[in-house]
PDB file of N, CA and C in Angstrom:
ATOM      1  N   MET A   1       0.852  -1.166   0.000  1.00  0.00           N
ATOM      2  CA  MET A   1       0.000   0.000   0.000  1.00  0.00           C
ATOM      3  C   MET A   1       0.903   1.237   0.000  1.00  0.00           C
ATOM      4  N   SER A   2       0.651   2.140  -0.908  1.00  0.00           N
ATOM      5  CA  SER A   2       1.510   3.303  -1.049  1.00  0.00           C
ATOM      6  C   SER A   2       1.167   4.389  -0.033  1.00  0.00           C
ATOM      7  N   PHE A   3       2.106   5.282   0.137  1.00  0.00           N
ATOM      8  CA  PHE A   3       1.931   6.402   1.061  1.00  0.00           C
ATOM      9  C   PHE A   3       0.753   7.269   0.642  1.00  0.00           C
ATOM     10  N   ILE A   4       0.663   7.563  -0.645  1.00  0.00           N
ATOM     11  CA  ILE A   4      -0.440   8.397  -1.150  1.00  0.00           C
ATOM     12  C   ILE A   4      -1.772   7.696  -0.925  1.00  0.00           C
ATOM     13  N   HIS A   5      -1.810   6.403  -1.133  1.00  0.00           N
ATOM     14  CA  HIS A   5      -3.016   5.613  -0.917  1.00  0.00           C
ATOM     15  C   HIS A   5      -3.476   5.744   0.529  1.00  0.00           C
ATOM     16  N   LEU A   6      -2.543   5.636   1.465  1.00  0.00           N
ATOM     17  CA  LEU A   6      -2.878   5.769   2.884  1.00  0.00           C
ATOM     18  C   LEU A   6      -3.393   7.174   3.212  1.00  0.00           C
ATOM     19  N   ILE A   7      -2.772   8.179   2.635  1.00  0.00           N
ATOM     20  CA  ILE A   7      -3.196   9.568   2.870  1.00  0.00           C
ATOM     21  C   ILE A   7      -4.604   9.791   2.341  1.00  0.00           C
ATOM     22  N   LEU A   8      -4.887   9.305   1.144  1.00  0.00           N
ATOM     23  CA  LEU A   8      -6.229   9.490   0.569  1.00  0.00           C
ATOM     24  C   LEU A   8      -7.292   8.788   1.399  1.00  0.00           C
ATOM     25  N   GLN A   9      -7.001   7.587   1.870  1.00  0.00           N
ATOM     26  CA  GLN A   9      -7.965   6.886   2.717  1.00  0.00           C
ATOM     27  C   GLN A   9      -8.181   7.627   4.024  1.00  0.00           C
ATOM     28  N   GLN A  10      -7.126   8.205   4.562  1.00  0.00           N
ATOM     29  CA  GLN A  10      -7.248   8.971   5.801  1.00  0.00           C
ATOM     30  C   GLN A  10      -8.129  10.201   5.590  1.00  0.00           C
ATOM     31  N   ILE A  11      -7.973  10.863   4.459  1.00  0.00           N
ATOM     32  CA  ILE A  11      -8.796  12.041   4.148  1.00  0.00           C
ATOM     33  C   ILE A  11     -10.268  11.648   4.069  1.00  0.00           C
ATOM     34  N   VAL A  12     -10.575  10.565   3.368  1.00  0.00           N
ATOM     35  CA  VAL A  12     -11.953  10.106   3.249  1.00  0.00           C
ATOM     36  C   VAL A  12     -12.516   9.750   4.625  1.00  0.00           C
ATOM     37  N   SER A  13     -11.720   9.053   5.414  1.00  0.00           N
ATOM     38  CA  SER A  13     -12.153   8.641   6.739  1.00  0.00           C
ATOM     39  C   SER A  13     -12.415   9.845   7.645  1.00  0.00           C
ATOM     40  N   GLN A  14     -11.521  10.808   7.643  1.00  0.00           N
ATOM     41  CA  GLN A  14     -11.692  11.999   8.479  1.00  0.00           C
ATOM     42  C   GLN A  14     -12.905  12.812   8.045  1.00  0.00           C
ATOM     43  N   THR A  15     -13.142  12.891   6.751  1.00  0.00           N
ATOM     44  CA  THR A  15     -14.316  13.592   6.243  1.00  0.00           C
ATOM     45  C   THR A  15     -15.587  12.916   6.731  1.00  0.00           C
ATOM     46  N   ALA A  16     -15.606  11.605   6.709  1.00  0.00           N
ATOM     47  CA  ALA A  16     -16.774  10.869   7.195  1.00  0.00           C
ATOM     48  C   ALA A  16     -16.990  11.110   8.685  1.00  0.00           C
ATOM     49  N   HIS A  17     -15.910  11.084   9.449  1.00  0.00           N
ATOM     50  CA  HIS A  17     -16.035  11.320  10.891  1.00  0.00           C
ATOM     51  C   HIS A  17     -16.572  12.719  11.181  1.00  0.00           C
ATOM     52  N   LEU A  18     -16.101  13.706  10.436  1.00  0.00           N
ATOM     53  CA  LEU A  18     -16.602  15.069  10.619  1.00  0.00           C
ATOM     54  C   LEU A  18     -18.075  15.176  10.252  1.00  0.00           C
ATOM     55  N   SER A  19     -18.464  14.490   9.191  1.00  0.00           N
ATOM     56  CA  SER A  19     -19.869  14.507   8.778  1.00  0.00           C
ATOM     57  C   SER A  19     -20.760  13.867   9.835  1.00  0.00           C
ATOM     58  N   ILE A  20     -20.314  12.760  10.391  1.00  0.00           N
ATOM     59  CA  ILE A  20     -21.089  12.079  11.430  1.00  0.00           C
ATOM     60  C   ILE A  20     -21.167  12.959  12.677  1.00  0.00           C
ATOM     61  N   ALA A  21     -20.070  13.602  13.033  1.00  0.00           N
ATOM     62  CA  ALA A  21     -20.071  14.497  14.198  1.00  0.00           C
ATOM     63  C   ALA A  21     -21.035  15.659  13.972  1.00  0.00           C
ATOM     64  N   GLY A  22     -21.063  16.177  12.763  1.00  0.00           N
ATOM     65  CA  GLY A  22     -21.991  17.259  12.435  1.00  0.00           C
ATOM     66  C   GLY A  22     -23.436  16.811  12.528  1.00  0.00           C
ATOM     67  N   THR A  23     -23.696  15.608  12.070  1.00  0.00           N
ATOM     68  CA  THR A  23     -25.045  15.048  12.138  1.00  0.00           C
ATOM     69  C   THR A  23     -25.479  14.896  13.594  1.00  0.00           C
ATOM     70  N   LYS A  24     -24.572  14.421  14.434  1.00  0.00           N
ATOM     71  CA  LYS A  24     -24.898  14.252  15.853  1.00  0.00           C
ATOM     72  C   LYS A  24     -25.087  15.603  16.539  1.00  0.00           C
ATOM     73  N   ALA A  25     -24.333  16.611  16.118  1.00  0.00           N
ATOM     74  CA  ALA A  25     -24.497  17.956  16.686  1.00  0.00           C
ATOM     75  C   ALA A  25     -25.869  18.514  16.336  1.00  0.00           C
ATOM     76  N   LEU A  26     -26.323  18.238  15.127  1.00  0.00           N
ATOM     77  CA  LEU A  26     -27.665  18.678  14.731  1.00  0.00           C
ATOM     78  C   LEU A  26     -28.722  17.991  15.585  1.00  0.00           C
ATOM     79  N   LYS A  27     -28.509  16.716  15.874  1.00  0.00           N
ATOM     80  CA  LYS A  27     -29.440  15.977  16.720  1.00  0.00           C
ATOM     81  C   LYS A  27     -29.473  16.572  18.123  1.00  0.00           C
ATOM     82  N   LYS A  28     -28.287  16.865  18.636  1.00  0.00           N
ATOM     83  CA  LYS A  28     -28.192  17.425  19.984  1.00  0.00           C
ATOM     84  C   LYS A  28     -28.895  18.783  20.073  1.00  0.00           C
ATOM     85  N   ALA A  29     -28.869  19.542  19.000  1.00  0.00           N
ATOM     86  CA  ALA A  29     -29.518  20.856  18.955  1.00  0.00           C
ATOM     87  C   ALA A  29     -31.005  20.737  18.621  1.00  0.00           C
ATOM     88  N   ASN A  30     -31.498  19.506  18.556  1.00  0.00           N
ATOM     89  CA  ASN A  30     -32.905  19.230  18.220  1.00  0.00           C
ATOM     90  C   ASN A  30     -33.297  19.775  16.843  1.00  0.00           C
ATOM     91  N   THR A  31     -32.333  19.760  15.922  1.00  0.00           N
ATOM     92  CA  THR A  31     -32.595  20.208  14.558  1.00  0.00           C
ATOM     93  C   THR A  31     -33.091  19.061  13.684  1.00  0.00           C
ATOM     94  N   VAL A  32     -32.649  17.839  14.013  1.00  0.00           N
ATOM     95  CA  VAL A  32     -33.057  16.654  13.260  1.00  0.00           C
ATOM     96  C   VAL A  32     -33.475  15.558  14.236  1.00  0.00           C
ATOM     97  N   THR A  33     -34.176  14.574  13.712  1.00  0.00           N
ATOM     98  CA  THR A  33     -34.634  13.461  14.545  1.00  0.00           C
ATOM     99  C   THR A  33     -33.565  12.373  14.623  1.00  0.00           C
ATOM    100  N   GLU A  34     -33.757  11.448  15.540  1.00  0.00           N
ATOM    101  CA  GLU A  34     -32.845  10.309  15.682  1.00  0.00           C
ATOM    102  C   GLU A  34     -32.814   9.488  14.395  1.00  0.00           C
ATOM    103  N   ASP A  35     -33.977   9.345  13.761  1.00  0.00           N
ATOM    104  CA  ASP A  35     -34.035   8.611  12.483  1.00  0.00           C
ATOM    105  C   ASP A  35     -33.208   9.321  11.413  1.00  0.00           C
ATOM    106  N   ASP A  36     -33.275  10.655  11.390  1.00  0.00           N
ATOM    107  CA  ASP A  36     -32.468  11.409  10.431  1.00  0.00           C
ATOM    108  C   ASP A  36     -30.978  11.186  10.676  1.00  0.00           C
ATOM    109  N   VAL A  37     -30.592  11.156  11.949  1.00  0.00           N
ATOM    110  CA  VAL A  37     -29.189  10.916  12.290  1.00  0.00           C
ATOM    111  C   VAL A  37     -28.769   9.526  11.821  1.00  0.00           C
ATOM    112  N   THR A  38     -29.574   8.527  12.118  1.00  0.00           N
ATOM    113  CA  THR A  38     -29.260   7.153  11.729  1.00  0.00           C
ATOM    114  C   THR A  38     -29.167   7.030  10.207  1.00  0.00           C
ATOM    115  N   ASN A  39     -30.133   7.597   9.500  1.00  0.00           N
ATOM    116  CA  ASN A  39     -30.113   7.547   8.033  1.00  0.00           C
ATOM    117  C   ASN A  39     -28.905   8.290   7.473  1.00  0.00           C
ATOM    118  N   GLY A  40     -28.592   9.425   8.066  1.00  0.00           N
ATOM    119  CA  GLY A  40     -27.438  10.196   7.622  1.00  0.00           C
ATOM    120  C   GLY A  40     -26.149   9.428   7.816  1.00  0.00           C
ATOM    121  N   GLU A  41     -26.014   8.784   8.972  1.00  0.00           N
ATOM    122  CA  GLU A  41     -24.808   8.002   9.236  1.00  0.00           C
ATOM    123  C   GLU A  41     -24.671   6.836   8.258  1.00  0.00           C
ATOM    124  N   LYS A  42     -25.782   6.208   7.920  1.00  0.00           N
ATOM    125  CA  LYS A  42     -25.746   5.100   6.947  1.00  0.00           C
ATOM    126  C   LYS A  42     -25.306   5.603   5.575  1.00  0.00           C
ATOM    127  N   LYS A  43     -25.835   6.757   5.165  1.00  0.00           N
ATOM    128  CA  LYS A  43     -25.460   7.324   3.863  1.00  0.00           C
ATOM    129  C   LYS A  43     -23.986   7.709   3.850  1.00  0.00           C
ATOM    130  N   ILE A  44     -23.527   8.308   4.947  1.00  0.00           N
ATOM    131  CA  ILE A  44     -22.120   8.689   5.048  1.00  0.00           C
ATOM    132  C   ILE A  44     -21.233   7.455   4.963  1.00  0.00           C
ATOM    133  N   GLN A  45     -21.615   6.380   5.653  1.00  0.00           N
ATOM    134  CA  GLN A  45     -20.817   5.153   5.628  1.00  0.00           C
ATOM    135  C   GLN A  45     -20.775   4.550   4.229  1.00  0.00           C
ATOM    136  N   LYS A  46     -21.916   4.563   3.526  1.00  0.00           N
ATOM    137  CA  LYS A  46     -21.944   4.036   2.160  1.00  0.00           C
ATOM    138  C   LYS A  46     -21.010   4.837   1.252  1.00  0.00           C
ATOM    139  N   LEU A  47     -21.042   6.161   1.375  1.00  0.00           N
ATOM    140  CA  LEU A  47     -20.163   6.998   0.555  1.00  0.00           C
ATOM    141  C   LEU A  47     -18.693   6.766   0.913  1.00  0.00           C
ATOM    142  N   THR A  48     -18.413   6.640   2.199  1.00  0.00           N
ATOM    143  CA  THR A  48     -17.045   6.378   2.642  1.00  0.00           C
ATOM    144  C   THR A  48     -16.550   5.061   2.055  1.00  0.00           C
ATOM    145  N   ASP A  49     -17.372   4.026   2.136  1.00  0.00           N
ATOM    146  CA  ASP A  49     -16.997   2.724   1.575  1.00  0.00           C
ATOM    147  C   ASP A  49     -16.762   2.823   0.075  1.00  0.00           C
ATOM    148  N   LYS A  50     -17.637   3.556  -0.601  1.00  0.00           N
ATOM    149  CA  LYS A  50     -17.523   3.716  -2.056  1.00  0.00           C
ATOM    150  C   LYS A  50     -16.198   4.384  -2.425  1.00  0.00           C
ATOM    151  N   PHE A  51     -15.865   5.481  -1.739  1.00  0.00           N
ATOM    152  CA  PHE A  51     -14.645   6.196  -2.086  1.00  0.00           C
ATOM    153  C   PHE A  51     -13.389   5.440  -1.657  1.00  0.00           C
ATOM    154  N   CYS A  52     -13.453   4.701  -0.561  1.00  0.00           N
ATOM    155  CA  CYS A  52     -12.306   3.872  -0.174  1.00  0.00           C
ATOM    156  C   CYS A  52     -12.058   2.789  -1.214  1.00  0.00           C
ATOM    157  N   LYS A  53     -13.128   2.206  -1.752  1.00  0.00           N
ATOM    158  CA  LYS A  53     -12.979   1.190  -2.796  1.00  0.00           C
ATOM    159  C   LYS A  53     -12.380   1.812  -4.056  1.00  0.00           C
ATOM    160  N   GLU A  54     -12.847   3.005  -4.416  1.00  0.00           N
ATOM    161  CA  GLU A  54     -12.290   3.679  -5.589  1.00  0.00           C
ATOM    162  C   GLU A  54     -10.805   3.963  -5.396  1.00  0.00           C
ATOM    163  N   ILE A  55     -10.436   4.394  -4.202  1.00  0.00           N
ATOM    164  CA  ILE A  55      -9.022   4.643  -3.907  1.00  0.00           C
ATOM    165  C   ILE A  55      -8.227   3.356  -4.032  1.00  0.00           C
ATOM    166  N   ASP A  56      -8.745   2.264  -3.473  1.00  0.00           N
ATOM    167  CA  ASP A  56      -8.069   0.963  -3.572  1.00  0.00           C
ATOM    168  C   ASP A  56      -7.886   0.549  -5.026  1.00  0.00           C
ATOM    169  N   ASP A  57      -8.950   0.700  -5.820  1.00  0.00           N
ATOM    170  CA  ASP A  57      -8.893   0.311  -7.227  1.00  0.00           C
ATOM    171  C   ASP A  57      -7.875   1.152  -8.001  1.00  0.00           C
ATOM    172  N   LEU A  58      -7.891   2.466  -7.783  1.00  0.00           N
ATOM    173  CA  LEU A  58      -6.955   3.346  -8.480  1.00  0.00           C
ATOM    174  C   LEU A  58      -5.512   3.079  -8.050  1.00  0.00           C
ATOM    175  N   ALA A  59      -5.319   2.825  -6.761  1.00  0.00           N
ATOM    176  CA  ALA A  59      -3.974   2.531  -6.271  1.00  0.00           C
ATOM    177  C   ALA A  59      -3.454   1.228  -6.879  1.00  0.00           C
ATOM    178  N   ALA A  60      -4.308   0.231  -6.961  1.00  0.00           N
ATOM    179  CA  ALA A  60      -3.899  -1.049  -7.550  1.00  0.00           C
ATOM    180  C   ALA A  60      -3.560  -0.876  -9.028  1.00  0.00           C
ATOM    181  N   LEU A  61      -4.359  -0.094  -9.731  1.00  0.00           N
ATOM    182  CA  LEU A  61      -4.101   0.155 -11.150  1.00  0.00           C
ATOM    183  C   LEU A  61      -2.771   0.882 -11.340  1.00  0.00           C
ATOM    184  N   LYS A  62      -2.546   1.903 -10.522  1.00  0.00           N
ATOM    185  CA  LYS A  62      -1.310   2.672 -10.637  1.00  0.00           C
ATOM    186  C   LYS A  62      -0.101   1.807 -10.282  1.00  0.00           C
ATOM    187  N   GLU A  63      -0.237   0.973  -9.265  1.00  0.00           N
ATOM    188  CA  GLU A  63       0.856   0.087  -8.877  1.00  0.00           C
ATOM    189  C   GLU A  63       1.182  -0.877 -10.019  1.00  0.00           C
ATOM    190  N   LYS A  64       0.154  -1.393 -10.671  1.00  0.00           N
ATOM    191  CA  LYS A  64       0.351  -2.297 -11.809  1.00  0.00           C
ATOM    192  C   LYS A  64       1.079  -1.564 -12.933  1.00  0.00           C
ATOM    193  N   GLU A  65       0.673  -0.316 -13.215  1.00  0.00           N
ATOM    194  CA  GLU A  65       1.317   0.467 -14.255  1.00  0.00           C
ATOM    195  C   GLU A  65       2.792   0.690 -13.943  1.00  0.00           C
ATOM    196  N   ILE A  66       3.079   1.013 -12.685  1.00  0.00           N
ATOM    197  CA  ILE A  66       4.466   1.270 -12.296  1.00  0.00           C
ATOM    198  C   ILE A  66       5.308   0.008 -12.426  1.00  0.00           C
ATOM    199  N   LEU A  67       4.765  -1.126 -12.050  1.00  0.00           N
ATOM    200  CA  LEU A  67       5.510  -2.379 -12.121  1.00  0.00           C
ATOM    201  C   LEU A  67       5.756  -2.824 -13.554  1.00  0.00           C
ATOM    202  N   GLU A  68       4.920  -2.389 -14.492  1.00  0.00           N
ATOM    203  CA  GLU A  68       5.105  -2.745 -15.900  1.00  0.00           C
ATOM    204  C   GLU A  68       6.227  -1.964 -16.547  1.00  0.00           C
ATOM    205  N   ILE A  69       6.559  -0.840 -15.989  1.00  0.00           N
ATOM    206  CA  ILE A  69       7.591   0.031 -16.592  1.00  0.00           C
ATOM    207  C   ILE A  69       8.935  -0.465 -16.292  1.00  0.00           C
TER     208      ILE A  69
END
Protein backbone atom coordinates (compact mmCIF):
# COMPACT_ATOMS: atom_id res chain seq x y z
CA MET A 1 0.00 0.00 0.00
CA SER A 2 1.51 3.30 -1.05
CA PHE A 3 1.93 6.40 1.06
CA ILE A 4 -0.44 8.40 -1.15
CA HIS A 5 -3.02 5.61 -0.92
CA LEU A 6 -2.88 5.77 2.88
CA ILE A 7 -3.20 9.57 2.87
CA LEU A 8 -6.23 9.49 0.57
CA GLN A 9 -7.97 6.89 2.72
CA GLN A 10 -7.25 8.97 5.80
CA ILE A 11 -8.80 12.04 4.15
CA VAL A 12 -11.95 10.11 3.25
CA SER A 13 -12.15 8.64 6.74
CA GLN A 14 -11.69 12.00 8.48
CA THR A 15 -14.32 13.59 6.24
CA ALA A 16 -16.77 10.87 7.19
CA HIS A 17 -16.04 11.32 10.89
CA LEU A 18 -16.60 15.07 10.62
CA SER A 19 -19.87 14.51 8.78
CA ILE A 20 -21.09 12.08 11.43
CA ALA A 21 -20.07 14.50 14.20
CA GLY A 22 -21.99 17.26 12.44
CA THR A 23 -25.05 15.05 12.14
CA LYS A 24 -24.90 14.25 15.85
CA ALA A 25 -24.50 17.96 16.69
CA LEU A 26 -27.67 18.68 14.73
CA LYS A 27 -29.44 15.98 16.72
CA LYS A 28 -28.19 17.43 19.98
CA ALA A 29 -29.52 20.86 18.96
CA ASN A 30 -32.91 19.23 18.22
CA THR A 31 -32.60 20.21 14.56
CA VAL A 32 -33.06 16.65 13.26
CA THR A 33 -34.63 13.46 14.55
CA GLU A 34 -32.84 10.31 15.68
CA ASP A 35 -34.03 8.61 12.48
CA ASP A 36 -32.47 11.41 10.43
CA VAL A 37 -29.19 10.92 12.29
CA THR A 38 -29.26 7.15 11.73
CA ASN A 39 -30.11 7.55 8.03
CA GLY A 40 -27.44 10.20 7.62
CA GLU A 41 -24.81 8.00 9.24
CA LYS A 42 -25.75 5.10 6.95
CA LYS A 43 -25.46 7.32 3.86
CA ILE A 44 -22.12 8.69 5.05
CA GLN A 45 -20.82 5.15 5.63
CA LYS A 46 -21.94 4.04 2.16
CA LEU A 47 -20.16 7.00 0.56
CA THR A 48 -17.05 6.38 2.64
CA ASP A 49 -17.00 2.72 1.57
CA LYS A 50 -17.52 3.72 -2.06
CA PHE A 51 -14.65 6.20 -2.09
CA CYS A 52 -12.31 3.87 -0.17
CA LYS A 53 -12.98 1.19 -2.80
CA GLU A 54 -12.29 3.68 -5.59
CA ILE A 55 -9.02 4.64 -3.91
CA ASP A 56 -8.07 0.96 -3.57
CA ASP A 57 -8.89 0.31 -7.23
CA LEU A 58 -6.95 3.35 -8.48
CA ALA A 59 -3.97 2.53 -6.27
CA ALA A 60 -3.90 -1.05 -7.55
CA LEU A 61 -4.10 0.15 -11.15
CA LYS A 62 -1.31 2.67 -10.64
CA GLU A 63 0.86 0.09 -8.88
CA LYS A 64 0.35 -2.30 -11.81
CA GLU A 65 1.32 0.47 -14.26
CA ILE A 66 4.47 1.27 -12.30
CA LEU A 67 5.51 -2.38 -12.12
CA GLU A 68 5.10 -2.75 -15.90
CA ILE A 69 7.59 0.03 -16.59
